[in-house]
Amino acid sequence: MDFKYTLVGDPAEKLATIKRKAAQKFVTFVGDLSGGTFSGDMPLPIIGDMTVRGSYRINGDQITVMVSDKPESYSWDKVDLMLRDFIEGD
């Protein structure tokens, strides 16, 4: 499933913030301003931890996240919520 978000501010700075957040949450995040991959347990507000895997690509101020694996018990809406907080949050 693909999710699209807008990177507010300088894309390089935003990517650095995302990488820092990933490291703090023990998420493997490999990539650059063109794209990359991620995997790990990412906390989801209220409902606990979940493991997701996928890739991303950046085009200008748009980031497209392609999730390839998630727990079956979590809806795509919950995955979107988690990704939105991870990417658009401070």
PDB file of N, CA and C in Angstrom:
ATOM      1  N   MET A   1       0.849  -1.166   0.000  1.00  0.00           N
ATOM      2  CA  MET A   1       0.000   0.000   0.000  1.00  0.00           C
ATOM      3  C   MET A   1       0.897   1.232   0.000  1.00  0.00           C
ATOM      4  N   ASP A   2       0.550   2.205  -0.822  1.00  0.00           N
ATOM      5  CA  ASP A   2       1.327   3.433  -0.933  1.00  0.00           C
ATOM      6  C   ASP A   2       0.655   4.570  -0.169  1.00  0.00           C
ATOM      7  N   PHE A   3       1.468   5.399   0.463  1.00  0.00           N
ATOM      8  CA  PHE A   3       1.003   6.579   1.191  1.00  0.00           C
ATOM      9  C   PHE A   3       1.839   7.762   0.726  1.00  0.00           C
ATOM     10  N   LYS A   4       1.192   8.916   0.518  1.00  0.00           N
ATOM     11  CA  LYS A   4       1.900  10.108   0.059  1.00  0.00           C
ATOM     12  C   LYS A   4       1.745  11.217   1.088  1.00  0.00           C
ATOM     13  N   TYR A   5       2.872  11.893   1.353  1.00  0.00           N
ATOM     14  CA  TYR A   5       2.895  12.981   2.322  1.00  0.00           C
ATOM     15  C   TYR A   5       3.728  14.124   1.753  1.00  0.00           C
ATOM     16  N   THR A   6       3.469  15.326   2.268  1.00  0.00           N
ATOM     17  CA  THR A   6       4.240  16.499   1.882  1.00  0.00           C
ATOM     18  C   THR A   6       5.299  16.763   2.944  1.00  0.00           C
ATOM     19  N   LEU A   7       6.523  16.952   2.493  1.00  0.00           N
ATOM     20  CA  LEU A   7       7.617  17.304   3.389  1.00  0.00           C
ATOM     21  C   LEU A   7       7.630  18.819   3.529  1.00  0.00           C
ATOM     22  N   VAL A   8       7.352  19.309   4.727  1.00  0.00           N
ATOM     23  CA  VAL A   8       7.324  20.744   4.972  1.00  0.00           C
ATOM     24  C   VAL A   8       8.731  21.202   5.333  1.00  0.00           C
ATOM     25  N   GLY A   9       9.194  22.239   4.666  1.00  0.00           N
ATOM     26  CA  GLY A   9      10.549  22.735   4.899  1.00  0.00           C
ATOM     27  C   GLY A   9      11.530  22.096   3.931  1.00  0.00           C
ATOM     28  N   ASP A  10      12.786  22.224   4.262  1.00  0.00           N
ATOM     29  CA  ASP A  10      13.853  21.686   3.417  1.00  0.00           C
ATOM     30  C   ASP A  10      13.830  20.158   3.448  1.00  0.00           C
ATOM     31  N   PRO A  11      13.687  19.498   2.284  1.00  0.00           N
ATOM     32  CA  PRO A  11      13.626  18.031   2.270  1.00  0.00           C
ATOM     33  C   PRO A  11      14.840  17.361   2.918  1.00  0.00           C
ATOM     34  N   ALA A  12      16.031  17.918   2.738  1.00  0.00           N
ATOM     35  CA  ALA A  12      17.233  17.316   3.341  1.00  0.00           C
ATOM     36  C   ALA A  12      17.164  17.385   4.872  1.00  0.00           C
ATOM     37  N   GLU A  13      16.716  18.514   5.399  1.00  0.00           N
ATOM     38  CA  GLU A  13      16.578  18.641   6.850  1.00  0.00           C
ATOM     39  C   GLU A  13      15.486  17.720   7.376  1.00  0.00           C
ATOM     40  N   LYS A  14      14.377  17.624   6.656  1.00  0.00           N
ATOM     41  CA  LYS A  14      13.280  16.757   7.084  1.00  0.00           C
ATOM     42  C   LYS A  14      13.735  15.299   7.074  1.00  0.00           C
ATOM     43  N   LEU A  15      14.478  14.901   6.044  1.00  0.00           N
ATOM     44  CA  LEU A  15      14.980  13.530   5.984  1.00  0.00           C
ATOM     45  C   LEU A  15      15.928  13.248   7.149  1.00  0.00           C
ATOM     46  N   ALA A  16      16.746  14.218   7.502  1.00  0.00           N
ATOM     47  CA  ALA A  16      17.642  14.050   8.652  1.00  0.00           C
ATOM     48  C   ALA A  16      16.830  13.863   9.930  1.00  0.00           C
ATOM     49  N   THR A  17      15.738  14.603  10.075  1.00  0.00           N
ATOM     50  CA  THR A  17      14.863  14.458  11.237  1.00  0.00           C
ATOM     51  C   THR A  17      14.235  13.073  11.264  1.00  0.00           C
ATOM     52  N   ILE A  18      13.765  12.605  10.104  1.00  0.00           N
ATOM     53  CA  ILE A  18      13.155  11.271  10.015  1.00  0.00           C
ATOM     54  C   ILE A  18      14.182  10.199  10.384  1.00  0.00           C
ATOM     55  N   LYS A  19      15.409  10.340   9.887  1.00  0.00           N
ATOM     56  CA  LYS A  19      16.459   9.373  10.214  1.00  0.00           C
ATOM     57  C   LYS A  19      16.757   9.368  11.710  1.00  0.00           C
ATOM     58  N   ARG A  20      16.795  10.549  12.323  1.00  0.00           N
ATOM     59  CA  ARG A  20      17.051  10.641  13.756  1.00  0.00           C
ATOM     60  C   ARG A  20      15.927   9.966  14.546  1.00  0.00           C
ATOM     61  N   LYS A  21      14.681  10.230  14.152  1.00  0.00           N
ATOM     62  CA  LYS A  21      13.538   9.607  14.819  1.00  0.00           C
ATOM     63  C   LYS A  21      13.589   8.089  14.640  1.00  0.00           C
ATOM     64  N   ALA A  22      13.975   7.630  13.467  1.00  0.00           N
ATOM     65  CA  ALA A  22      14.072   6.192  13.199  1.00  0.00           C
ATOM     66  C   ALA A  22      15.094   5.556  14.141  1.00  0.00           C
ATOM     67  N   ALA A  23      16.253   6.187  14.272  1.00  0.00           N
ATOM     68  CA  ALA A  23      17.299   5.646  15.145  1.00  0.00           C
ATOM     69  C   ALA A  23      16.834   5.595  16.597  1.00  0.00           C
ATOM     70  N   GLN A  24      16.107   6.607  17.045  1.00  0.00           N
ATOM     71  CA  GLN A  24      15.610   6.635  18.416  1.00  0.00           C
ATOM     72  C   GLN A  24      14.603   5.527  18.678  1.00  0.00           C
ATOM     73  N   LYS A  25      13.915   5.076  17.630  1.00  0.00           N
ATOM     74  CA  LYS A  25      12.880   4.051  17.785  1.00  0.00           C
ATOM     75  C   LYS A  25      13.354   2.687  17.290  1.00  0.00           C
ATOM     76  N   PHE A  26      14.670   2.548  17.116  1.00  0.00           N
ATOM     77  CA  PHE A  26      15.280   1.279  16.687  1.00  0.00           C
ATOM     78  C   PHE A  26      14.731   0.788  15.350  1.00  0.00           C
ATOM     79  N   VAL A  27      14.485   1.724  14.459  1.00  0.00           N
ATOM     80  CA  VAL A  27      14.029   1.401  13.106  1.00  0.00           C
ATOM     81  C   VAL A  27      15.235   1.483  12.176  1.00  0.00           C
ATOM     82  N   THR A  28      15.431   0.456  11.383  1.00  0.00           N
ATOM     83  CA  THR A  28      16.487   0.477  10.382  1.00  0.00           C
ATOM     84  C   THR A  28      16.007   1.325   9.218  1.00  0.00           C
ATOM     85  N   PHE A  29      16.725   2.394   8.936  1.00  0.00           N
ATOM     86  CA  PHE A  29      16.346   3.347   7.892  1.00  0.00           C
ATOM     87  C   PHE A  29      17.567   3.594   7.042  1.00  0.00           C
ATOM     88  N   VAL A  30      17.523   3.173   5.784  1.00  0.00           N
ATOM     89  CA  VAL A  30      18.663   3.310   4.879  1.00  0.00           C
ATOM     90  C   VAL A  30      18.186   4.042   3.637  1.00  0.00           C
ATOM     91  N   GLY A  31      18.847   5.149   3.312  1.00  0.00           N
ATOM     92  CA  GLY A  31      18.463   5.853   2.102  1.00  0.00           C
ATOM     93  C   GLY A  31      18.950   7.274   2.071  1.00  0.00           C
ATOM     94  N   ASP A  32      18.519   7.972   1.022  1.00  0.00           N
ATOM     95  CA  ASP A  32      18.921   9.348   0.813  1.00  0.00           C
ATOM     96  C   ASP A  32      17.747  10.133   0.240  1.00  0.00           C
ATOM     97  N   LEU A  33      18.025  11.276  -0.378  1.00  0.00           N
ATOM     98  CA  LEU A  33      16.949  12.127  -0.894  1.00  0.00           C
ATOM     99  C   LEU A  33      16.231  11.562  -2.111  1.00  0.00           C
ATOM    100  N   SER A  34      16.736  10.489  -2.684  1.00  0.00           N
ATOM    101  CA  SER A  34      16.007   9.876  -3.796  1.00  0.00           C
ATOM    102  C   SER A  34      15.095   8.750  -3.324  1.00  0.00           C
ATOM    103  N   GLY A  35      15.523   8.024  -2.289  1.00  0.00           N
ATOM    104  CA  GLY A  35      14.703   6.932  -1.779  1.00  0.00           C
ATOM    105  C   GLY A  35      15.498   6.000  -0.904  1.00  0.00           C
ATOM    106  N   GLY A  36      14.799   4.976  -0.382  1.00  0.00           N
ATOM    107  CA  GLY A  36      15.455   4.024   0.492  1.00  0.00           C
ATOM    108  C   GLY A  36      14.484   3.029   1.079  1.00  0.00           C
ATOM    109  N   THR A  37      14.911   2.365   2.158  1.00  0.00           N
ATOM    110  CA  THR A  37      14.100   1.331   2.794  1.00  0.00           C
ATOM    111  C   THR A  37      14.065   1.544   4.305  1.00  0.00           C
ATOM    112  N   PHE A  38      13.088   0.894   4.948  1.00  0.00           N
ATOM    113  CA  PHE A  38      12.967   0.941   6.396  1.00  0.00           C
ATOM    114  C   PHE A  38      12.360  -0.360   6.886  1.00  0.00           C
ATOM    115  N   SER A  39      12.660  -0.700   8.139  1.00  0.00           N
ATOM    116  CA  SER A  39      12.023  -1.845   8.785  1.00  0.00           C
ATOM    117  C   SER A  39      12.247  -1.736  10.276  1.00  0.00           C
ATOM    118  N   GLY A  40      11.280  -2.209  11.031  1.00  0.00           N
ATOM    119  CA  GLY A  40      11.427  -2.225  12.470  1.00  0.00           C
ATOM    120  C   GLY A  40      10.111  -2.101  13.193  1.00  0.00           C
ATOM    121  N   ASP A  41      10.204  -2.124  14.514  1.00  0.00           N
ATOM    122  CA  ASP A  41       9.039  -1.942  15.366  1.00  0.00           C
ATOM    123  C   ASP A  41       8.838  -0.457  15.575  1.00  0.00           C
ATOM    124  N   MET A  42       7.730   0.055  15.088  1.00  0.00           N
ATOM    125  CA  MET A  42       7.426   1.469  15.243  1.00  0.00           C
ATOM    126  C   MET A  42       6.238   1.617  16.168  1.00  0.00           C
ATOM    127  N   PRO A  43       6.379   2.415  17.226  1.00  0.00           N
ATOM    128  CA  PRO A  43       5.251   2.576  18.142  1.00  0.00           C
ATOM    129  C   PRO A  43       4.090   3.303  17.471  1.00  0.00           C
ATOM    130  N   LEU A  44       2.910   2.821  17.718  1.00  0.00           N
ATOM    131  CA  LEU A  44       1.695   3.443  17.204  1.00  0.00           C
ATOM    132  C   LEU A  44       0.914   3.957  18.401  1.00  0.00           C
ATOM    133  N   PRO A  45       0.549   5.236  18.392  1.00  0.00           N
ATOM    134  CA  PRO A  45      -0.152   5.785  19.554  1.00  0.00           C
ATOM    135  C   PRO A  45      -1.332   4.907  19.970  1.00  0.00           C
ATOM    136  N   ILE A  46      -1.472   4.727  21.231  1.00  0.00           N
ATOM    137  CA  ILE A  46      -2.576   4.046  21.909  1.00  0.00           C
ATOM    138  C   ILE A  46      -2.515   2.529  21.807  1.00  0.00           C
ATOM    139  N   ILE A  47      -2.174   1.944  20.648  1.00  0.00           N
ATOM    140  CA  ILE A  47      -2.356   0.505  20.497  1.00  0.00           C
ATOM    141  C   ILE A  47      -1.074  -0.308  20.601  1.00  0.00           C
ATOM    142  N   GLY A  48       0.059   0.307  20.866  1.00  0.00           N
ATOM    143  CA  GLY A  48       1.265  -0.478  21.088  1.00  0.00           C
ATOM    144  C   GLY A  48       2.229  -0.463  19.923  1.00  0.00           C
ATOM    145  N   ASP A  49       3.080  -1.475  19.881  1.00  0.00           N
ATOM    146  CA  ASP A  49       4.120  -1.548  18.852  1.00  0.00           C
ATOM    147  C   ASP A  49       3.676  -2.385  17.668  1.00  0.00           C
ATOM    148  N   MET A  50       4.260  -2.093  16.522  1.00  0.00           N
ATOM    149  CA  MET A  50       3.989  -2.871  15.320  1.00  0.00           C
ATOM    150  C   MET A  50       5.241  -2.898  14.460  1.00  0.00           C
ATOM    151  N   THR A  51       5.427  -3.968  13.738  1.00  0.00           N
ATOM    152  CA  THR A  51       6.564  -4.068  12.833  1.00  0.00           C
ATOM    153  C   THR A  51       6.095  -3.805  11.417  1.00  0.00           C
ATOM    154  N   VAL A  52       6.782  -2.897  10.755  1.00  0.00           N
ATOM    155  CA  VAL A  52       6.478  -2.595   9.359  1.00  0.00           C
ATOM    156  C   VAL A  52       7.763  -2.612   8.558  1.00  0.00           C
ATOM    157  N   ARG A  53       7.612  -2.895   7.277  1.00  0.00           N
ATOM    158  CA  ARG A  53       8.734  -2.853   6.341  1.00  0.00           C
ATOM    159  C   ARG A  53       8.258  -2.198   5.065  1.00  0.00           C
ATOM    160  N   GLY A  54       9.183  -1.520   4.415  1.00  0.00           N
ATOM    161  CA  GLY A  54       8.817  -0.911   3.149  1.00  0.00           C
ATOM    162  C   GLY A  54       9.939  -0.080   2.583  1.00  0.00           C
ATOM    163  N   SER A  55       9.553   0.767   1.666  1.00  0.00           N
ATOM    164  CA  SER A  55      10.514   1.642   1.016  1.00  0.00           C
ATOM    165  C   SER A  55       9.873   3.008   0.825  1.00  0.00           C
ATOM    166  N   TYR A  56      10.687   3.954   0.400  1.00  0.00           N
ATOM    167  CA  TYR A  56      10.176   5.293   0.150  1.00  0.00           C
ATOM    168  C   TYR A  56      10.910   5.886  -1.036  1.00  0.00           C
ATOM    169  N   ARG A  57      10.277   6.893  -1.627  1.00  0.00           N
ATOM    170  CA  ARG A  57      10.956   7.686  -2.643  1.00  0.00           C
ATOM    171  C   ARG A  57      10.515   9.132  -2.454  1.00  0.00           C
ATOM    172  N   ILE A  58      11.428  10.032  -2.753  1.00  0.00           N
ATOM    173  CA  ILE A  58      11.173  11.458  -2.601  1.00  0.00           C
ATOM    174  C   ILE A  58      11.265  12.112  -3.969  1.00  0.00           C
ATOM    175  N   ASN A  59      10.281  12.954  -4.243  1.00  0.00           N
ATOM    176  CA  ASN A  59      10.260  13.729  -5.477  1.00  0.00           C
ATOM    177  C   ASN A  59       9.880  15.152  -5.092  1.00  0.00           C
ATOM    178  N   GLY A  60      10.878  16.030  -5.035  1.00  0.00           N
ATOM    179  CA  GLY A  60      10.628  17.397  -4.606  1.00  0.00           C
ATOM    180  C   GLY A  60      10.257  17.422  -3.135  1.00  0.00           C
ATOM    181  N   ASP A  61       9.059  17.971  -2.839  1.00  0.00           N
ATOM    182  CA  ASP A  61       8.614  18.004  -1.442  1.00  0.00           C
ATOM    183  C   ASP A  61       7.625  16.888  -1.129  1.00  0.00           C
ATOM    184  N   GLN A  62       7.508  15.912  -2.014  1.00  0.00           N
ATOM    185  CA  GLN A  62       6.597  14.782  -1.811  1.00  0.00           C
ATOM    186  C   GLN A  62       7.380  13.514  -1.472  1.00  0.00           C
ATOM    187  N   ILE A  63       6.914  12.808  -0.454  1.00  0.00           N
ATOM    188  CA  ILE A  63       7.486  11.504  -0.124  1.00  0.00           C
ATOM    189  C   ILE A  63       6.383  10.464  -0.279  1.00  0.00           C
ATOM    190  N   THR A  64       6.691   9.419  -1.008  1.00  0.00           N
ATOM    191  CA  THR A  64       5.769   8.295  -1.176  1.00  0.00           C
ATOM    192  C   THR A  64       6.356   7.117  -0.414  1.00  0.00           C
ATOM    193  N   VAL A  65       5.569   6.585   0.506  1.00  0.00           N
ATOM    194  CA  VAL A  65       5.998   5.458   1.329  1.00  0.00           C
ATOM    195  C   VAL A  65       5.230   4.229   0.872  1.00  0.00           C
ATOM    196  N   MET A  66       5.953   3.194   0.488  1.00  0.00           N
ATOM    197  CA  MET A  66       5.357   1.941   0.045  1.00  0.00           C
ATOM    198  C   MET A  66       5.560   0.906   1.145  1.00  0.00           C
ATOM    199  N   VAL A  67       4.485   0.541   1.828  1.00  0.00           N
ATOM    200  CA  VAL A  67       4.560  -0.428   2.916  1.00  0.00           C
ATOM    201  C   VAL A  67       4.372  -1.824   2.324  1.00  0.00           C
ATOM    202  N   SER A  68       5.359  -2.681   2.537  1.00  0.00           N
ATOM    203  CA  SER A  68       5.307  -4.035   1.978  1.00  0.00           C
ATOM    204  C   SER A  68       4.894  -5.081   2.997  1.00  0.00           C
ATOM    205  N   ASP A  69       5.007  -4.745   4.299  1.00  0.00           N
ATOM    206  CA  ASP A  69       4.690  -5.721   5.335  1.00  0.00           C
ATOM    207  C   ASP A  69       4.205  -4.994   6.577  1.00  0.00           C
ATOM    208  N   LYS A  70       3.134  -5.505   7.167  1.00  0.00           N
ATOM    209  CA  LYS A  70       2.590  -4.983   8.415  1.00  0.00           C
ATOM    210  C   LYS A  70       1.847  -6.109   9.104  1.00  0.00           C
ATOM    211  N   PRO A  71       1.629  -6.004  10.407  1.00  0.00           N
ATOM    212  CA  PRO A  71       0.831  -7.028  11.085  1.00  0.00           C
ATOM    213  C   PRO A  71      -0.598  -7.028  10.545  1.00  0.00           C
ATOM    214  N   GLU A  72      -1.149  -8.203  10.335  1.00  0.00           N
ATOM    215  CA  GLU A  72      -2.506  -8.306   9.806  1.00  0.00           C
ATOM    216  C   GLU A  72      -3.542  -7.666  10.710  1.00  0.00           C
ATOM    217  N   SER A  73      -3.269  -7.618  11.998  1.00  0.00           N
ATOM    218  CA  SER A  73      -4.258  -7.098  12.940  1.00  0.00           C
ATOM    219  C   SER A  73      -4.420  -5.580  12.878  1.00  0.00           C
ATOM    220  N   TYR A  74      -3.522  -4.879  12.185  1.00  0.00           N
ATOM    221  CA  TYR A  74      -3.607  -3.425  12.090  1.00  0.00           C
ATOM    222  C   TYR A  74      -4.157  -2.998  10.741  1.00  0.00           C
ATOM    223  N   SER A  75      -5.093  -2.063  10.784  1.00  0.00           N
ATOM    224  CA  SER A  75      -5.687  -1.548   9.551  1.00  0.00           C
ATOM    225  C   SER A  75      -4.696  -0.625   8.840  1.00  0.00           C
ATOM    226  N   TRP A  76      -4.960  -0.405   7.566  1.00  0.00           N
ATOM    227  CA  TRP A  76      -4.135   0.533   6.810  1.00  0.00           C
ATOM    228  C   TRP A  76      -4.298   1.949   7.351  1.00  0.00           C
ATOM    229  N   ASP A  77      -5.468   2.272   7.898  1.00  0.00           N
ATOM    230  CA  ASP A  77      -5.673   3.587   8.509  1.00  0.00           C
ATOM    231  C   ASP A  77      -4.730   3.787   9.691  1.00  0.00           C
ATOM    232  N   LYS A  78      -4.523   2.757  10.482  1.00  0.00           N
ATOM    233  CA  LYS A  78      -3.606   2.849  11.621  1.00  0.00           C
ATOM    234  C   LYS A  78      -2.164   3.000  11.150  1.00  0.00           C
ATOM    235  N   VAL A  79      -1.813   2.314  10.079  1.00  0.00           N
ATOM    236  CA  VAL A  79      -0.466   2.455   9.520  1.00  0.00           C
ATOM    237  C   VAL A  79      -0.276   3.889   9.019  1.00  0.00           C
ATOM    238  N   ASP A  80      -1.283   4.433   8.352  1.00  0.00           N
ATOM    239  CA  ASP A  80      -1.226   5.812   7.873  1.00  0.00           C
ATOM    240  C   ASP A  80      -1.022   6.777   9.035  1.00  0.00           C
ATOM    241  N   LEU A  81      -1.743   6.581  10.119  1.00  0.00           N
ATOM    242  CA  LEU A  81      -1.611   7.427  11.302  1.00  0.00           C
ATOM    243  C   LEU A  81      -0.185   7.403  11.830  1.00  0.00           C
ATOM    244  N   MET A  82       0.388   6.222  11.932  1.00  0.00           N
ATOM    245  CA  MET A  82       1.744   6.074  12.432  1.00  0.00           C
ATOM    246  C   MET A  82       2.751   6.750  11.492  1.00  0.00           C
ATOM    247  N   LEU A  83       2.609   6.508  10.200  1.00  0.00           N
ATOM    248  CA  LEU A  83       3.529   7.111   9.240  1.00  0.00           C
ATOM    249  C   LEU A  83       3.405   8.625   9.224  1.00  0.00           C
ATOM    250  N   ARG A  84       2.172   9.120   9.269  1.00  0.00           N
ATOM    251  CA  ARG A  84       1.951  10.565   9.256  1.00  0.00           C
ATOM    252  C   ARG A  84       2.650  11.225  10.454  1.00  0.00           C
ATOM    253  N   ASP A  85       2.512  10.629  11.626  1.00  0.00           N
ATOM    254  CA  ASP A  85       3.175  11.177  12.802  1.00  0.00           C
ATOM    255  C   ASP A  85       4.692  11.111  12.652  1.00  0.00           C
ATOM    256  N   PHE A  86       5.181  10.014  12.122  1.00  0.00           N
ATOM    257  CA  PHE A  86       6.616   9.810  11.953  1.00  0.00           C
ATOM    258  C   PHE A  86       7.205  10.809  10.966  1.00  0.00           C
ATOM    259  N   ILE A  87       6.487  11.074   9.867  1.00  0.00           N
ATOM    260  CA  ILE A  87       7.003  11.921   8.795  1.00  0.00           C
ATOM    261  C   ILE A  87       6.652  13.392   8.989  1.00  0.00           C
ATOM    262  N   GLU A  88       5.424  13.671   9.374  1.00  0.00           N
ATOM    263  CA  GLU A  88       4.980  15.058   9.467  1.00  0.00           C
ATOM    264  C   GLU A  88       5.133  15.645  10.860  1.00  0.00           C
ATOM    265  N   GLY A  89       5.265  14.780  11.876  1.00  0.00           N
ATOM    266  CA  GLY A  89       5.428  15.274  13.242  1.00  0.00           C
ATOM    267  C   GLY A  89       6.798  15.884  13.461  1.00  0.00           C
ATOM    268  N   ASP A  90       6.933  16.574  14.567  1.00  0.00           N
ATOM    269  CA  ASP A  90       8.216  17.212  14.886  1.00  0.00           C
ATOM    270  C   ASP A  90       9.208  16.237  15.454  1.00  0.00           C
TER     271      ASP A  90
END
